[in-house]
């Protein structure tokens, strides 16, 4: 499934897509048709959606989408003649990933704006996903309801989400919206090819980016690692985003806890602490939480 739906978003008219994105619409009088969802594959088409086929389209597939309840479709300009007999409104455009991300974020009511978004990268996908779990546990220990997007298991608070990874733009925005609706304060995303398709994070703002590697690859400045992740996954950030890695301070704080019982666990906890510090959590709060964990352990 790959969709963004109305249960967590807002309604938009076809006229909005024409005015805001410059798309062409046929028939032109259909500007007031209201779209409640986006879907990029047939299995995701639901009543009220805008169908945006990703792998080619013809009149037969448009009719199938219409029969499943789609209110309109978006197809490339080059196919205008071949879909001229469509029985519902058609937007003609050639949107790039950035525009698709903006559309998905729009209809989902810009969910990443209301969440603290943490992202973890690294060459070893298994280590990235294990570090995501540790960070989620640590944020939860600090009193933050958390969502997770990871091939190892995506969740909204304690609820498992039914996602088929790797996921793309629409499913990411939908998942962020679900987490926000459930009351999450933060979402943690694993940046690896098992979890995400390329450019899956278009129009997603990332607040803290961490790396499971203690140092960037030889000769590679940390700013280049940040730029590489942005290029690969398309997320947005302010100019001050820095790559967060373990530090002597985070190592020292990790030693206050009984949560980590081997070297790998200590490293993951230390990285989680470093990322929480980068998010602006006070050291005193971190020390208190770690001290409590040790006493309870």
Protein backbone atom coordinates (compact mmCIF):
# COMPACT_ATOMS: atom_id res chain seq x y z
CA UNK A 1 0.00 0.00 0.00
CA UNK A 2 1.18 3.51 -0.76
CA UNK A 3 -1.23 6.25 0.12
CA UNK A 4 -2.05 9.34 2.15
CA UNK A 5 -5.62 9.42 3.37
CA UNK A 6 -8.21 11.70 4.89
CA UNK A 7 -8.31 10.04 8.30
CA UNK A 8 -5.21 11.97 9.27
CA UNK A 9 -5.14 14.82 6.80
CA UNK A 10 -7.20 17.50 5.10
CA UNK A 11 -9.32 17.85 1.99
CA UNK A 12 -8.09 19.65 -1.11
CA UNK A 13 -9.81 20.63 -4.36
CA UNK A 14 -8.49 19.95 -7.84
CA UNK A 15 -8.47 23.71 -8.26
CA UNK A 16 -5.86 23.91 -5.49
CA UNK A 17 -3.53 21.65 -7.49
CA UNK A 18 -4.05 23.83 -10.55
CA UNK A 19 -3.40 27.10 -8.73
CA UNK A 20 -0.67 25.94 -6.34
CA UNK A 21 1.28 23.52 -8.54
CA UNK A 22 0.45 24.73 -12.04
CA UNK A 23 -1.12 21.46 -13.20
CA UNK A 24 -3.55 21.34 -16.13
CA UNK A 25 -7.07 20.06 -15.52
CA UNK A 26 -9.62 18.48 -17.85
CA UNK A 27 -12.46 19.28 -17.74
CA UNK A 28 -11.60 22.75 -16.50
CA UNK A 29 -14.93 23.15 -14.68
CA UNK A 30 -13.96 20.33 -12.25
CA UNK A 31 -11.97 22.68 -10.01
CA UNK A 32 -14.36 22.18 -7.07
CA UNK A 33 -13.95 18.39 -6.95
CA UNK A 34 -12.58 17.61 -3.49
CA UNK A 35 -9.79 15.10 -2.98
CA UNK A 36 -9.42 13.37 0.36
CA UNK A 37 -6.45 11.07 -0.34
CA UNK A 38 -3.53 10.31 -2.67
CA UNK A 39 -2.74 6.83 -3.96
CA UNK A 40 0.03 5.68 -6.30
CA UNK A 41 -0.97 2.04 -6.79
CA UNK A 42 -4.29 0.39 -7.56
CA UNK A 43 -4.51 -1.53 -4.29
CA UNK A 44 -4.42 1.77 -2.40
CA UNK A 45 -7.20 3.47 -4.37
CA UNK A 46 -10.11 4.37 -2.10
CA UNK A 47 -13.23 6.52 -2.57
CA UNK A 48 -12.28 10.19 -2.81
CA UNK A 49 -8.65 9.72 -3.77
CA UNK A 50 -6.47 11.24 -6.46
CA UNK A 51 -4.86 8.34 -8.34
CA UNK A 52 -1.23 9.02 -9.30
CA UNK A 53 0.04 5.94 -11.16
CA UNK A 54 3.81 5.50 -10.96
CA UNK A 55 4.34 2.81 -13.62
CA UNK A 56 2.45 3.90 -16.69
CA UNK A 57 -1.27 4.26 -17.25
CA UNK A 58 -3.91 3.86 -19.93
CA UNK A 59 -7.67 4.29 -20.25
CA UNK A 60 -8.37 0.82 -18.85
CA UNK A 61 -6.42 1.47 -15.64
CA UNK A 62 -8.06 4.87 -15.20
CA UNK A 63 -11.47 3.23 -15.50
CA UNK A 64 -10.43 0.64 -12.92
CA UNK A 65 -9.35 3.43 -10.55
CA UNK A 66 -12.63 5.26 -11.14
CA UNK A 67 -14.62 2.11 -10.43
CA UNK A 68 -12.75 1.72 -7.12
CA UNK A 69 -13.83 5.22 -6.09
CA UNK A 70 -11.07 7.55 -7.30
CA UNK A 71 -12.38 11.04 -7.94
CA UNK A 72 -9.58 12.01 -10.35
CA UNK A 73 -6.19 10.98 -11.70
CA UNK A 74 -2.89 12.69 -12.36
CA UNK A 75 -1.08 11.56 -15.53
CA UNK A 76 1.85 12.84 -17.63
CA UNK A 77 1.22 15.42 -20.38
CA UNK A 78 2.53 12.92 -22.94
CA UNK A 79 -0.46 10.66 -22.30
CA UNK A 80 -3.11 13.33 -22.83
CA UNK A 81 -4.44 11.76 -26.04
CA UNK A 82 -4.46 8.19 -24.78
CA UNK A 83 -6.62 9.05 -21.77
CA UNK A 84 -8.86 11.58 -23.50
CA UNK A 85 -11.93 9.39 -22.93
CA UNK A 86 -11.51 9.20 -19.16
CA UNK A 87 -14.84 9.28 -17.34
CA UNK A 88 -13.61 11.46 -14.49
CA UNK A 89 -11.39 14.56 -14.10
CA UNK A 90 -7.71 14.26 -15.03
CA UNK A 91 -4.81 16.47 -13.96
CA UNK A 92 -1.96 16.59 -16.46
CA UNK A 93 1.50 17.13 -14.99
CA UNK A 94 4.98 15.67 -14.68
CA UNK A 95 5.66 16.17 -10.97
CA UNK A 96 9.13 15.46 -9.60
CA UNK A 97 9.77 13.87 -6.21
CA UNK A 98 9.88 17.26 -4.49
CA UNK A 99 6.40 18.13 -5.80
CA UNK A 100 5.02 14.71 -4.86
CA UNK A 101 6.42 15.18 -1.38
CA UNK A 102 4.88 18.63 -1.10
CA UNK A 103 1.50 17.29 -2.26
CA UNK A 104 1.62 14.40 0.21
CA UNK A 105 2.65 16.71 3.03
CA UNK A 106 -0.09 19.17 2.08
CA UNK A 107 -2.89 16.62 2.19
CA UNK A 108 -1.50 15.09 5.40
CA UNK A 109 -1.46 18.58 7.01
CA UNK A 110 2.36 18.85 7.20
CA UNK A 111 2.83 16.28 9.97
CA UNK A 112 6.59 16.57 10.43
CA UNK A 113 6.15 20.20 11.51
CA UNK A 114 4.46 19.03 14.71
CA UNK A 115 6.98 16.30 15.55
CA UNK A 116 10.60 16.13 16.66
CA UNK A 117 12.10 14.05 13.86
CA UNK A 118 15.25 12.02 14.58
CA UNK A 119 17.04 10.15 11.78
CA UNK A 120 19.84 7.60 12.00
CA UNK A 121 22.23 6.66 9.21
CA UNK A 122 25.19 4.35 8.69
CA UNK A 123 26.63 1.71 6.39
CA UNK A 124 25.26 -1.21 8.42
CA UNK A 125 21.44 -1.29 8.14
CA UNK A 126 21.10 -3.78 10.99
CA UNK A 127 23.10 -1.52 13.30
CA UNK A 128 21.07 1.51 12.21
CA UNK A 129 17.84 -0.30 13.05
CA UNK A 130 19.16 -1.55 16.40
CA UNK A 131 20.21 2.01 17.27
CA UNK A 132 16.74 3.27 16.35
CA UNK A 133 15.26 0.85 18.89
CA UNK A 134 17.67 2.05 21.59
CA UNK A 135 16.90 5.71 20.87
CA UNK A 136 13.15 5.01 20.97
CA UNK A 137 13.51 3.26 24.32
CA UNK A 138 15.57 6.13 25.70
CA UNK A 139 13.16 8.83 24.54
CA UNK A 140 10.32 6.82 26.04
CA UNK A 141 12.24 6.60 29.31
CA UNK A 142 12.48 10.40 29.27
CA UNK A 143 8.69 10.58 29.01
CA UNK A 144 8.27 11.13 25.28
CA UNK A 145 5.64 9.19 23.29
CA UNK A 146 7.49 7.95 20.21
CA UNK A 147 6.86 6.64 16.71
CA UNK A 148 9.35 4.57 14.71
CA UNK A 149 9.85 4.06 10.98
CA UNK A 150 12.16 1.09 10.50
CA UNK A 151 12.28 -2.11 8.50
CA UNK A 152 12.84 -3.89 11.82
CA UNK A 153 9.37 -2.78 12.93
CA UNK A 154 7.45 0.47 12.48
CA UNK A 155 5.33 1.59 15.40
CA UNK A 156 3.15 4.42 16.61
CA UNK A 157 3.60 4.49 20.37
CA UNK A 158 3.04 0.84 21.34
CA UNK A 159 1.05 -0.02 18.21
CA UNK A 160 2.63 -2.00 15.38
CA UNK A 161 2.04 -0.45 11.96
CA UNK A 162 1.33 -2.62 8.93
CA UNK A 163 3.86 -1.34 6.42
CA UNK A 164 5.66 -3.16 3.63
CA UNK A 165 9.19 -1.79 3.58
CA UNK A 166 10.90 -0.12 1.88
CA UNK A 167 8.27 2.62 1.85
CA UNK A 168 7.99 5.73 -0.31
CA UNK A 169 6.84 9.32 -0.11
CA UNK A 170 3.12 8.73 0.44
CA UNK A 171 3.48 6.06 3.12
CA UNK A 172 6.04 8.14 5.02
CA UNK A 173 3.69 11.13 5.21
CA UNK A 174 0.78 8.89 6.17
CA UNK A 175 2.84 7.23 8.92
CA UNK A 176 3.97 10.57 10.33
CA UNK A 177 0.34 11.68 10.39
CA UNK A 178 -0.74 8.52 12.19
CA UNK A 179 1.99 9.03 14.80
CA UNK A 180 0.93 12.63 15.31
CA UNK A 181 -2.73 11.67 15.65
CA UNK A 182 -1.79 9.01 18.20
CA UNK A 183 -0.03 11.63 20.31
CA UNK A 184 3.62 10.99 19.50
CA UNK A 185 6.01 13.81 20.35
CA UNK A 186 8.87 12.38 18.29
CA UNK A 187 9.45 10.03 15.39
CA UNK A 188 12.68 8.14 14.72
CA UNK A 189 13.51 7.12 11.14
CA UNK A 190 16.06 4.54 10.01
CA UNK A 191 17.89 5.87 6.96
CA UNK A 192 18.65 2.68 5.07
CA UNK A 193 17.55 1.03 1.84
CA UNK A 194 15.64 -1.69 3.70
CA UNK A 195 13.41 0.94 5.32
CA UNK A 196 13.05 3.71 2.73
CA UNK A 197 12.97 4.17 -1.00
CA UNK A 198 15.11 6.95 -2.44
CA UNK A 199 13.62 10.41 -1.87
CA UNK A 200 11.03 8.94 0.52
CA UNK A 201 11.51 11.86 2.94
CA UNK A 202 10.63 14.69 0.55
CA UNK A 203 8.96 17.50 2.56
CA UNK A 204 9.91 15.84 5.86
CA UNK A 205 11.86 18.05 8.24
CA UNK A 206 14.67 16.31 10.16
CA UNK A 207 15.72 17.90 13.44
CA UNK A 208 18.55 15.60 14.54
CA UNK A 209 20.67 13.36 12.29
CA UNK A 210 22.84 10.74 13.96
CA UNK A 211 25.38 8.29 12.59
CA UNK A 212 26.13 4.84 14.00
CA UNK A 213 29.74 5.27 12.86
CA UNK A 214 31.96 6.90 15.49
CA UNK A 215 33.70 8.92 12.77
CA UNK A 216 32.78 9.58 9.14
CA UNK A 217 34.58 7.54 6.46
CA UNK A 218 38.25 8.51 6.10
CA UNK A 219 38.67 11.89 4.48
CA UNK A 220 34.94 12.63 4.46
CA UNK A 221 33.79 15.72 6.40
CA UNK A 222 30.64 15.24 8.46
CA UNK A 223 28.93 17.94 6.37
CA UNK A 224 29.39 15.71 3.32
CA UNK A 225 27.67 12.83 5.13
CA UNK A 226 24.73 15.13 5.90
CA UNK A 227 24.60 16.29 2.26
CA UNK A 228 24.72 12.69 1.02
CA UNK A 229 21.76 11.67 3.21
CA UNK A 230 19.75 14.70 2.09
CA UNK A 231 20.47 13.90 -1.56
CA UNK A 232 19.51 10.24 -1.12
CA UNK A 233 16.33 10.65 0.93
CA UNK A 234 15.26 14.21 0.15
CA UNK A 235 14.51 15.44 3.66
CA UNK A 236 14.45 19.11 4.58
CA UNK A 237 16.48 20.76 7.31
CA UNK A 238 17.78 24.09 8.45
CA UNK A 239 21.30 25.21 7.60
CA UNK A 240 22.60 24.31 11.06
CA UNK A 241 21.99 20.55 10.93
CA UNK A 242 25.11 18.70 12.02
CA UNK A 243 25.95 15.03 12.12
CA UNK A 244 25.66 13.73 15.68
CA UNK A 245 27.98 10.95 16.83
CA UNK A 246 29.02 9.58 20.21
CA UNK A 247 31.17 11.82 22.38
CA UNK A 248 33.17 11.52 25.59
CA UNK A 249 30.29 13.19 27.41
CA UNK A 250 27.66 10.81 26.04
CA UNK A 251 29.93 7.84 26.84
CA UNK A 252 30.31 9.08 30.41
CA UNK A 253 26.55 9.53 30.79
CA UNK A 254 25.90 6.08 29.36
CA UNK A 255 28.07 4.61 32.10
CA UNK A 256 25.53 5.84 34.67
CA UNK A 257 22.93 3.37 33.43
CA UNK A 258 22.36 -0.34 33.79
CA UNK A 259 20.52 -0.39 30.47
CA UNK A 260 23.62 -1.44 28.51
CA UNK A 261 25.31 -4.72 29.33
CA UNK A 262 27.76 -5.14 26.42
CA UNK A 263 29.92 -2.95 24.21
CA UNK A 264 27.36 -2.71 21.42
CA UNK A 265 24.60 -1.71 23.83
CA UNK A 266 26.84 0.91 25.43
CA UNK A 267 27.63 2.43 22.03
CA UNK A 268 23.96 2.56 21.06
CA UNK A 269 22.95 4.13 24.36
CA UNK A 270 25.75 6.67 24.09
CA UNK A 271 24.60 7.65 20.58
CA UNK A 272 21.01 7.94 21.81
CA UNK A 273 22.19 10.26 24.60
CA UNK A 274 24.22 12.35 22.15
CA UNK A 275 21.19 12.75 19.87
CA UNK A 276 18.91 13.69 22.76
CA UNK A 277 21.47 16.27 23.88
CA UNK A 278 21.56 17.62 20.32
CA UNK A 279 17.77 17.99 20.50
CA UNK A 280 18.15 20.28 23.51
CA UNK A 281 17.21 17.98 26.40
CA UNK A 282 18.85 19.09 29.62
CA UNK A 283 21.76 17.10 30.96
CA UNK A 284 20.19 17.04 34.42
CA UNK A 285 17.08 15.34 33.04
CA UNK A 286 19.22 12.76 31.28
CA UNK A 287 21.28 12.07 34.40
CA UNK A 288 18.15 11.67 36.50
CA UNK A 289 16.60 9.22 34.06
CA UNK A 290 19.79 7.18 33.85
CA UNK A 291 20.16 7.15 37.60
CA UNK A 292 16.61 5.88 38.01
CA UNK A 293 17.24 3.16 35.43
CA UNK A 294 20.29 2.03 37.37
CA UNK A 295 18.40 1.94 40.66
CA UNK A 296 15.54 0.00 39.10
CA UNK A 297 17.97 -2.33 37.34
